[in-house]
Amino acid sequence: MSIAVKWFPTLVKRTRSKQAETVVAWREGLTPLAIFLDEGFSEVDAEAVMPIVNGAQANLRTPLQDGDQLEFLVSIQGG
């Protein structure tokens, strides 16, 4: 029971694991935000990322299911 996690390259150096891809043990109620915070980021940092779950844009509070694939992308805004 696990979640496969991919980190955007600019985030890797700031994660606790320092790995581009990690595996997290799944548990009931697990969200992308919980995984993000567990890797040493803050909620303020979370404002700049977009979670992708199984290839679709998701919310940081989206409940994850066993076997999901999660990616963290950096939100880029311009104008």
PDB file of N, CA and C in Angstrom:
ATOM      1  N   MET A   1       0.838  -1.171   0.000  1.00  0.00           N
ATOM      2  CA  MET A   1       0.000   0.000   0.000  1.00  0.00           C
ATOM      3  C   MET A   1       0.889   1.242   0.000  1.00  0.00           C
ATOM      4  N   SER A   2       0.925   1.916  -1.164  1.00  0.00           N
ATOM      5  CA  SER A   2       1.830   3.062  -1.255  1.00  0.00           C
ATOM      6  C   SER A   2       1.392   4.036  -2.337  1.00  0.00           C
ATOM      7  N   ILE A   3       2.017   5.207  -2.288  1.00  0.00           N
ATOM      8  CA  ILE A   3       1.822   6.280  -3.254  1.00  0.00           C
ATOM      9  C   ILE A   3       3.184   6.562  -3.889  1.00  0.00           C
ATOM     10  N   ALA A   4       3.246   6.559  -5.222  1.00  0.00           N
ATOM     11  CA  ALA A   4       4.471   6.915  -5.933  1.00  0.00           C
ATOM     12  C   ALA A   4       4.467   8.431  -6.124  1.00  0.00           C
ATOM     13  N   VAL A   5       5.568   9.076  -5.727  1.00  0.00           N
ATOM     14  CA  VAL A   5       5.641  10.544  -5.779  1.00  0.00           C
ATOM     15  C   VAL A   5       6.813  10.975  -6.657  1.00  0.00           C
ATOM     16  N   LYS A   6       6.537  11.911  -7.580  1.00  0.00           N
ATOM     17  CA  LYS A   6       7.578  12.523  -8.407  1.00  0.00           C
ATOM     18  C   LYS A   6       7.647  13.993  -8.033  1.00  0.00           C
ATOM     19  N   TRP A   7       8.868  14.499  -7.924  1.00  0.00           N
ATOM     20  CA  TRP A   7       9.096  15.894  -7.545  1.00  0.00           C
ATOM     21  C   TRP A   7       9.632  16.680  -8.725  1.00  0.00           C
ATOM     22  N   PHE A   8       9.076  17.878  -8.946  1.00  0.00           N
ATOM     23  CA  PHE A   8       9.582  18.803  -9.958  1.00  0.00           C
ATOM     24  C   PHE A   8      11.062  19.041  -9.647  1.00  0.00           C
ATOM     25  N   PRO A   9      11.924  19.067 -10.675  1.00  0.00           N
ATOM     26  CA  PRO A   9      13.369  19.171 -10.435  1.00  0.00           C
ATOM     27  C   PRO A   9      13.802  20.274  -9.460  1.00  0.00           C
ATOM     28  N   THR A  10      13.191  21.442  -9.517  1.00  0.00           N
ATOM     29  CA  THR A  10      13.620  22.516  -8.612  1.00  0.00           C
ATOM     30  C   THR A  10      13.210  22.258  -7.162  1.00  0.00           C
ATOM     31  N   LEU A  11      12.296  21.322  -6.933  1.00  0.00           N
ATOM     32  CA  LEU A  11      11.882  20.988  -5.569  1.00  0.00           C
ATOM     33  C   LEU A  11      12.770  19.926  -4.929  1.00  0.00           C
ATOM     34  N   VAL A  12      13.377  19.075  -5.761  1.00  0.00           N
ATOM     35  CA  VAL A  12      14.135  17.928  -5.246  1.00  0.00           C
ATOM     36  C   VAL A  12      15.172  18.334  -4.203  1.00  0.00           C
ATOM     37  N   LYS A  13      15.950  19.363  -4.484  1.00  0.00           N
ATOM     38  CA  LYS A  13      17.030  19.758  -3.567  1.00  0.00           C
ATOM     39  C   LYS A  13      16.504  20.251  -2.219  1.00  0.00           C
ATOM     40  N   ARG A  14      15.199  20.599  -2.159  1.00  0.00           N
ATOM     41  CA  ARG A  14      14.618  21.100  -0.910  1.00  0.00           C
ATOM     42  C   ARG A  14      13.864  20.019  -0.131  1.00  0.00           C
ATOM     43  N   THR A  15      13.717  18.832  -0.727  1.00  0.00           N
ATOM     44  CA  THR A  15      13.018  17.749  -0.017  1.00  0.00           C
ATOM     45  C   THR A  15      13.951  17.102   0.999  1.00  0.00           C
ATOM     46  N   ARG A  16      13.370  16.496   1.998  1.00  0.00           N
ATOM     47  CA  ARG A  16      14.186  15.758   2.983  1.00  0.00           C
ATOM     48  C   ARG A  16      14.876  14.570   2.340  1.00  0.00           C
ATOM     49  N   SER A  17      14.178  13.914   1.412  1.00  0.00           N
ATOM     50  CA  SER A  17      14.715  12.701   0.790  1.00  0.00           C
ATOM     51  C   SER A  17      15.798  12.993  -0.252  1.00  0.00           C
ATOM     52  N   LYS A  18      15.775  14.187  -0.853  1.00  0.00           N
ATOM     53  CA  LYS A  18      16.711  14.570  -1.924  1.00  0.00           C
ATOM     54  C   LYS A  18      16.610  13.629  -3.127  1.00  0.00           C
ATOM     55  N   GLN A  19      15.442  13.033  -3.341  1.00  0.00           N
ATOM     56  CA  GLN A  19      15.209  12.093  -4.431  1.00  0.00           C
ATOM     57  C   GLN A  19      14.147  12.651  -5.375  1.00  0.00           C
ATOM     58  N   ALA A  20      14.321  12.460  -6.673  1.00  0.00           N
ATOM     59  CA  ALA A  20      13.344  12.927  -7.657  1.00  0.00           C
ATOM     60  C   ALA A  20      12.061  12.102  -7.606  1.00  0.00           C
ATOM     61  N   GLU A  21      12.177  10.852  -7.173  1.00  0.00           N
ATOM     62  CA  GLU A  21      11.018   9.978  -7.044  1.00  0.00           C
ATOM     63  C   GLU A  21      11.089   9.265  -5.700  1.00  0.00           C
ATOM     64  N   THR A  22       9.967   9.246  -5.011  1.00  0.00           N
ATOM     65  CA  THR A  22       9.905   8.587  -3.710  1.00  0.00           C
ATOM     66  C   THR A  22       8.632   7.751  -3.640  1.00  0.00           C
ATOM     67  N   VAL A  23       8.572   6.896  -2.645  1.00  0.00           N
ATOM     68  CA  VAL A  23       7.379   6.098  -2.378  1.00  0.00           C
ATOM     69  C   VAL A  23       6.976   6.384  -0.938  1.00  0.00           C
ATOM     70  N   VAL A  24       5.698   6.685  -0.758  1.00  0.00           N
ATOM     71  CA  VAL A  24       5.162   7.008   0.564  1.00  0.00           C
ATOM     72  C   VAL A  24       4.137   5.953   0.946  1.00  0.00           C
ATOM     73  N   ALA A  25       4.203   5.494   2.167  1.00  0.00           N
ATOM     74  CA  ALA A  25       3.213   4.523   2.644  1.00  0.00           C
ATOM     75  C   ALA A  25       1.837   5.182   2.679  1.00  0.00           C
ATOM     76  N   TRP A  26       0.856   4.509   2.069  1.00  0.00           N
ATOM     77  CA  TRP A  26      -0.500   5.043   2.055  1.00  0.00           C
ATOM     78  C   TRP A  26      -1.154   4.815   3.410  1.00  0.00           C
ATOM     79  N   ARG A  27      -1.968   5.777   3.822  1.00  0.00           N
ATOM     80  CA  ARG A  27      -2.789   5.654   5.030  1.00  0.00           C
ATOM     81  C   ARG A  27      -4.090   6.392   4.786  1.00  0.00           C
ATOM     82  N   GLU A  28      -5.116   6.008   5.463  1.00  0.00           N
ATOM     83  CA  GLU A  28      -6.423   6.638   5.326  1.00  0.00           C
ATOM     84  C   GLU A  28      -6.304   8.138   5.576  1.00  0.00           C
ATOM     85  N   GLY A  29      -6.893   8.945   4.701  1.00  0.00           N
ATOM     86  CA  GLY A  29      -6.882  10.393   4.862  1.00  0.00           C
ATOM     87  C   GLY A  29      -5.642  11.093   4.343  1.00  0.00           C
ATOM     88  N   LEU A  30      -4.723  10.351   3.737  1.00  0.00           N
ATOM     89  CA  LEU A  30      -3.495  10.949   3.210  1.00  0.00           C
ATOM     90  C   LEU A  30      -3.820  11.898   2.053  1.00  0.00           C
ATOM     91  N   THR A  31      -3.196  13.076   2.049  1.00  0.00           N
ATOM     92  CA  THR A  31      -3.407  14.086   1.004  1.00  0.00           C
ATOM     93  C   THR A  31      -2.062  14.516   0.432  1.00  0.00           C
ATOM     94  N   PRO A  32      -2.076  15.135  -0.750  1.00  0.00           N
ATOM     95  CA  PRO A  32      -0.831  15.693  -1.277  1.00  0.00           C
ATOM     96  C   PRO A  32      -0.195  16.698  -0.307  1.00  0.00           C
ATOM     97  N   LEU A  33      -1.008  17.492   0.365  1.00  0.00           N
ATOM     98  CA  LEU A  33      -0.462  18.470   1.310  1.00  0.00           C
ATOM     99  C   LEU A  33       0.299  17.778   2.430  1.00  0.00           C
ATOM    100  N   ALA A  34      -0.224  16.693   2.963  1.00  0.00           N
ATOM    101  CA  ALA A  34       0.458  15.965   4.038  1.00  0.00           C
ATOM    102  C   ALA A  34       1.819  15.453   3.569  1.00  0.00           C
ATOM    103  N   ILE A  35       1.872  14.917   2.360  1.00  0.00           N
ATOM    104  CA  ILE A  35       3.144  14.429   1.818  1.00  0.00           C
ATOM    105  C   ILE A  35       4.114  15.598   1.635  1.00  0.00           C
ATOM    106  N   PHE A  36       3.629  16.701   1.119  1.00  0.00           N
ATOM    107  CA  PHE A  36       4.451  17.893   0.906  1.00  0.00           C
ATOM    108  C   PHE A  36       5.036  18.401   2.226  1.00  0.00           C
ATOM    109  N   LEU A  37       4.204  18.483   3.238  1.00  0.00           N
ATOM    110  CA  LEU A  37       4.671  18.949   4.553  1.00  0.00           C
ATOM    111  C   LEU A  37       5.648  17.955   5.177  1.00  0.00           C
ATOM    112  N   ASP A  38       5.395  16.655   5.003  1.00  0.00           N
ATOM    113  CA  ASP A  38       6.292  15.623   5.549  1.00  0.00           C
ATOM    114  C   ASP A  38       7.691  15.695   4.939  1.00  0.00           C
ATOM    115  N   GLU A  39       7.797  16.256   3.732  1.00  0.00           N
ATOM    116  CA  GLU A  39       9.109  16.386   3.084  1.00  0.00           C
ATOM    117  C   GLU A  39       9.834  17.665   3.499  1.00  0.00           C
ATOM    118  N   GLY A  40       9.259  18.405   4.458  1.00  0.00           N
ATOM    119  CA  GLY A  40       9.960  19.555   5.016  1.00  0.00           C
ATOM    120  C   GLY A  40       9.525  20.908   4.495  1.00  0.00           C
ATOM    121  N   PHE A  41       8.518  20.937   3.655  1.00  0.00           N
ATOM    122  CA  PHE A  41       8.018  22.204   3.138  1.00  0.00           C
ATOM    123  C   PHE A  41       6.990  22.794   4.096  1.00  0.00           C
ATOM    124  N   SER A  42       6.676  24.061   3.901  1.00  0.00           N
ATOM    125  CA  SER A  42       5.668  24.735   4.727  1.00  0.00           C
ATOM    126  C   SER A  42       4.376  24.917   3.924  1.00  0.00           C
ATOM    127  N   GLU A  43       3.329  25.327   4.619  1.00  0.00           N
ATOM    128  CA  GLU A  43       2.069  25.607   3.922  1.00  0.00           C
ATOM    129  C   GLU A  43       2.222  26.805   2.990  1.00  0.00           C
ATOM    130  N   VAL A  44       3.094  27.735   3.326  1.00  0.00           N
ATOM    131  CA  VAL A  44       3.362  28.868   2.436  1.00  0.00           C
ATOM    132  C   VAL A  44       4.010  28.357   1.148  1.00  0.00           C
ATOM    133  N   ASP A  45       4.956  27.423   1.270  1.00  0.00           N
ATOM    134  CA  ASP A  45       5.582  26.815   0.087  1.00  0.00           C
ATOM    135  C   ASP A  45       4.520  26.138  -0.786  1.00  0.00           C
ATOM    136  N   ALA A  46       3.535  25.532  -0.147  1.00  0.00           N
ATOM    137  CA  ALA A  46       2.499  24.781  -0.856  1.00  0.00           C
ATOM    138  C   ALA A  46       1.684  25.662  -1.801  1.00  0.00           C
ATOM    139  N   GLU A  47       1.652  26.954  -1.550  1.00  0.00           N
ATOM    140  CA  GLU A  47       0.906  27.870  -2.409  1.00  0.00           C
ATOM    141  C   GLU A  47       1.505  27.948  -3.812  1.00  0.00           C
ATOM    142  N   ALA A  48       2.759  27.523  -3.962  1.00  0.00           N
ATOM    143  CA  ALA A  48       3.451  27.621  -5.243  1.00  0.00           C
ATOM    144  C   ALA A  48       3.528  26.304  -6.003  1.00  0.00           C
ATOM    145  N   VAL A  49       2.842  25.263  -5.515  1.00  0.00           N
ATOM    146  CA  VAL A  49       2.884  23.978  -6.211  1.00  0.00           C
ATOM    147  C   VAL A  49       1.487  23.528  -6.636  1.00  0.00           C
ATOM    148  N   MET A  50       1.478  22.659  -7.638  1.00  0.00           N
ATOM    149  CA  MET A  50       0.246  22.080  -8.128  1.00  0.00           C
ATOM    150  C   MET A  50       0.404  20.559  -8.093  1.00  0.00           C
ATOM    151  N   PRO A  51      -0.474  19.869  -7.366  1.00  0.00           N
ATOM    152  CA  PRO A  51      -0.397  18.418  -7.358  1.00  0.00           C
ATOM    153  C   PRO A  51      -1.113  17.825  -8.578  1.00  0.00           C
ATOM    154  N   ILE A  52      -0.507  16.806  -9.145  1.00  0.00           N
ATOM    155  CA  ILE A  52      -1.094  16.053 -10.251  1.00  0.00           C
ATOM    156  C   ILE A  52      -1.272  14.623  -9.735  1.00  0.00           C
ATOM    157  N   VAL A  53      -2.509  14.150  -9.723  1.00  0.00           N
ATOM    158  CA  VAL A  53      -2.795  12.797  -9.237  1.00  0.00           C
ATOM    159  C   VAL A  53      -3.275  11.960 -10.417  1.00  0.00           C
ATOM    160  N   ASN A  54      -2.538  10.898 -10.694  1.00  0.00           N
ATOM    161  CA  ASN A  54      -2.864   9.996 -11.804  1.00  0.00           C
ATOM    162  C   ASN A  54      -3.055  10.764 -13.115  1.00  0.00           C
ATOM    163  N   GLY A  55      -2.191  11.763 -13.337  1.00  0.00           N
ATOM    164  CA  GLY A  55      -2.196  12.505 -14.579  1.00  0.00           C
ATOM    165  C   GLY A  55      -3.192  13.647 -14.678  1.00  0.00           C
ATOM    166  N   ALA A  56      -3.947  13.897 -13.611  1.00  0.00           N
ATOM    167  CA  ALA A  56      -4.936  14.977 -13.630  1.00  0.00           C
ATOM    168  C   ALA A  56      -4.657  15.977 -12.512  1.00  0.00           C
ATOM    169  N   GLN A  57      -4.867  17.266 -12.814  1.00  0.00           N
ATOM    170  CA  GLN A  57      -4.676  18.293 -11.793  1.00  0.00           C
ATOM    171  C   GLN A  57      -5.599  18.011 -10.608  1.00  0.00           C
ATOM    172  N   ALA A  58      -5.064  18.171  -9.412  1.00  0.00           N
ATOM    173  CA  ALA A  58      -5.819  17.905  -8.194  1.00  0.00           C
ATOM    174  C   ALA A  58      -5.657  19.066  -7.222  1.00  0.00           C
ATOM    175  N   ASN A  59      -6.283  18.929  -6.091  1.00  0.00           N
ATOM    176  CA  ASN A  59      -6.214  19.903  -5.016  1.00  0.00           C
ATOM    177  C   ASN A  59      -5.244  19.360  -3.971  1.00  0.00           C
ATOM    178  N   LEU A  60      -4.577  20.227  -3.242  1.00  0.00           N
ATOM    179  CA  LEU A  60      -3.655  19.768  -2.200  1.00  0.00           C
ATOM    180  C   LEU A  60      -4.358  18.964  -1.107  1.00  0.00           C
ATOM    181  N   ARG A  61      -5.652  19.121  -0.986  1.00  0.00           N
ATOM    182  CA  ARG A  61      -6.405  18.402   0.045  1.00  0.00           C
ATOM    183  C   ARG A  61      -7.193  17.212  -0.509  1.00  0.00           C
ATOM    184  N   THR A  62      -6.937  16.860  -1.763  1.00  0.00           N
ATOM    185  CA  THR A  62      -7.580  15.703  -2.384  1.00  0.00           C
ATOM    186  C   THR A  62      -7.149  14.433  -1.657  1.00  0.00           C
ATOM    187  N   PRO A  63      -8.089  13.626  -1.175  1.00  0.00           N
ATOM    188  CA  PRO A  63      -7.706  12.355  -0.535  1.00  0.00           C
ATOM    189  C   PRO A  63      -7.058  11.419  -1.562  1.00  0.00           C
ATOM    190  N   LEU A  64      -5.950  10.831  -1.174  1.00  0.00           N
ATOM    191  CA  LEU A  64      -5.241   9.897  -2.051  1.00  0.00           C
ATOM    192  C   LEU A  64      -5.694   8.464  -1.765  1.00  0.00           C
ATOM    193  N   GLN A  65      -5.612   7.645  -2.809  1.00  0.00           N
ATOM    194  CA  GLN A  65      -5.963   6.232  -2.695  1.00  0.00           C
ATOM    195  C   GLN A  65      -4.698   5.389  -2.867  1.00  0.00           C
ATOM    196  N   ASP A  66      -4.713   4.215  -2.297  1.00  0.00           N
ATOM    197  CA  ASP A  66      -3.593   3.298  -2.441  1.00  0.00           C
ATOM    198  C   ASP A  66      -3.287   3.091  -3.926  1.00  0.00           C
ATOM    199  N   GLY A  67      -2.024   3.208  -4.294  1.00  0.00           N
ATOM    200  CA  GLY A  67      -1.603   3.000  -5.672  1.00  0.00           C
ATOM    201  C   GLY A  67      -1.609   4.249  -6.533  1.00  0.00           C
ATOM    202  N   ASP A  68      -2.065   5.380  -6.001  1.00  0.00           N
ATOM    203  CA  ASP A  68      -2.060   6.624  -6.779  1.00  0.00           C
ATOM    204  C   ASP A  68      -0.636   7.028  -7.140  1.00  0.00           C
ATOM    205  N   GLN A  69      -0.545   7.775  -8.237  1.00  0.00           N
ATOM    206  CA  GLN A  69       0.714   8.391  -8.640  1.00  0.00           C
ATOM    207  C   GLN A  69       0.549   9.890  -8.478  1.00  0.00           C
ATOM    208  N   LEU A  70       1.453  10.495  -7.748  1.00  0.00           N
ATOM    209  CA  LEU A  70       1.385  11.910  -7.417  1.00  0.00           C
ATOM    210  C   LEU A  70       2.623  12.620  -7.940  1.00  0.00           C
ATOM    211  N   GLU A  71       2.412  13.769  -8.576  1.00  0.00           N
ATOM    212  CA  GLU A  71       3.515  14.619  -9.014  1.00  0.00           C
ATOM    213  C   GLU A  71       3.313  16.004  -8.420  1.00  0.00           C
ATOM    214  N   PHE A  72       4.408  16.623  -8.023  1.00  0.00           N
ATOM    215  CA  PHE A  72       4.352  18.012  -7.569  1.00  0.00           C
ATOM    216  C   PHE A  72       5.032  18.879  -8.621  1.00  0.00           C
ATOM    217  N   LEU A  73       4.246  19.786  -9.210  1.00  0.00           N
ATOM    218  CA  LEU A  73       4.774  20.729 -10.195  1.00  0.00           C
ATOM    219  C   LEU A  73       4.807  22.110  -9.577  1.00  0.00           C
ATOM    220  N   VAL A  74       5.728  22.926 -10.020  1.00  0.00           N
ATOM    221  CA  VAL A  74       5.798  24.310  -9.550  1.00  0.00           C
ATOM    222  C   VAL A  74       4.853  25.127 -10.413  1.00  0.00           C
ATOM    223  N   SER A  75       3.957  25.858  -9.761  1.00  0.00           N
ATOM    224  CA  SER A  75       3.035  26.731 -10.489  1.00  0.00           C
ATOM    225  C   SER A  75       3.798  27.936 -11.005  1.00  0.00           C
ATOM    226  N   ILE A  76       3.680  28.177 -12.279  1.00  0.00           N
ATOM    227  CA  ILE A  76       4.356  29.309 -12.897  1.00  0.00           C
ATOM    228  C   ILE A  76       3.290  30.280 -13.379  1.00  0.00           C
ATOM    229  N   GLN A  77       3.358  31.497 -12.881  1.00  0.00           N
ATOM    230  CA  GLN A  77       2.379  32.497 -13.281  1.00  0.00           C
ATOM    231  C   GLN A  77       3.096  33.624 -14.001  1.00  0.00           C
ATOM    232  N   GLY A  78       2.434  34.178 -14.940  1.00  0.00           N
ATOM    233  CA  GLY A  78       3.035  35.277 -15.678  1.00  0.00           C
ATOM    234  C   GLY A  78       1.965  36.228 -16.160  1.00  0.00           C
ATOM    235  N   GLY A  79       2.378  37.248 -16.777  1.00  0.00           N
ATOM    236  CA  GLY A  79       1.390  38.190 -17.267  1.00  0.00           C
ATOM    237  C   GLY A  79       1.984  39.210 -18.180  1.00  0.00           C
TER     238      GLY A  79
END
